């Protein structure tokens, strides 16, 4: 499995999935500026994957 590091499509989809804090929304729209932002974006991506999986299971 290969990861495309410049793929931001999940961020746009995740913004529409639930309400976010202003700082998280800014991070999702604007990108990472440092180590702390990279860590938080990773946490958000894990949450996105969990929500996406739950949505797919509900549709089945």
Protein backbone atom coordinates (compact mmCIF):
# COMPACT_ATOMS: atom_id res chain seq x y z
CA UNK A 1 0.00 0.00 0.00
CA UNK A 2 1.43 3.34 -0.96
CA UNK A 3 0.56 6.65 0.66
CA UNK A 4 0.28 9.86 -1.30
CA UNK A 5 1.53 12.48 1.15
CA UNK A 6 0.10 15.40 -0.83
CA UNK A 7 -3.46 13.95 -0.97
CA UNK A 8 -5.74 16.37 0.93
CA UNK A 9 -9.09 15.05 -0.27
CA UNK A 10 -9.72 13.37 3.09
CA UNK A 11 -9.36 16.73 4.83
CA UNK A 12 -12.13 18.34 2.79
CA UNK A 13 -14.39 15.34 3.35
CA UNK A 14 -13.64 15.30 7.09
CA UNK A 15 -14.56 18.98 7.41
CA UNK A 16 -18.07 18.09 6.26
CA UNK A 17 -18.42 14.99 8.44
CA UNK A 18 -18.64 16.72 11.83
CA UNK A 19 -18.16 20.00 13.66
CA UNK A 20 -14.55 20.99 14.36
CA UNK A 21 -12.85 23.46 16.64
CA UNK A 22 -11.58 26.60 14.88
CA UNK A 23 -7.97 25.48 15.31
CA UNK A 24 -8.67 22.04 13.83
CA UNK A 25 -10.59 23.55 10.91
CA UNK A 26 -7.70 25.93 10.21
CA UNK A 27 -5.26 23.03 10.30
CA UNK A 28 -7.40 20.95 7.94
CA UNK A 29 -7.79 23.83 5.47
CA UNK A 30 -4.38 25.46 5.75
CA UNK A 31 -2.01 22.60 6.35
CA UNK A 32 0.76 21.92 8.81
CA UNK A 33 3.17 24.58 10.04
CA UNK A 34 5.21 22.57 12.55
CA UNK A 35 5.62 19.40 14.56
CA UNK A 36 2.63 20.06 16.80
CA UNK A 37 0.41 20.60 13.75
CA UNK A 38 1.71 17.43 12.12
CA UNK A 39 0.92 15.45 15.26
CA UNK A 40 -2.60 16.91 15.48
CA UNK A 41 -3.25 16.29 11.78
CA UNK A 42 -2.27 12.66 12.31
CA UNK A 43 -4.74 12.38 15.19
CA UNK A 44 -7.46 13.93 13.00
CA UNK A 45 -6.68 11.48 10.19
CA UNK A 46 -7.12 8.52 12.54
CA UNK A 47 -10.46 9.98 13.68
CA UNK A 48 -11.47 10.46 10.03
CA UNK A 49 -10.67 6.82 9.21
CA UNK A 50 -12.71 5.64 12.22
CA UNK A 51 -15.74 7.75 11.25
CA UNK A 52 -15.47 6.73 7.60
CA UNK A 53 -15.41 3.05 8.55
CA UNK A 54 -18.46 3.51 10.82
CA UNK A 55 -20.37 5.27 8.02
CA UNK A 56 -19.57 2.48 5.57
CA UNK A 57 -20.76 -0.15 8.06
CA UNK A 58 -24.05 1.72 8.60
CA UNK A 59 -24.70 1.81 4.86
CA UNK A 60 -24.41 -1.97 4.58
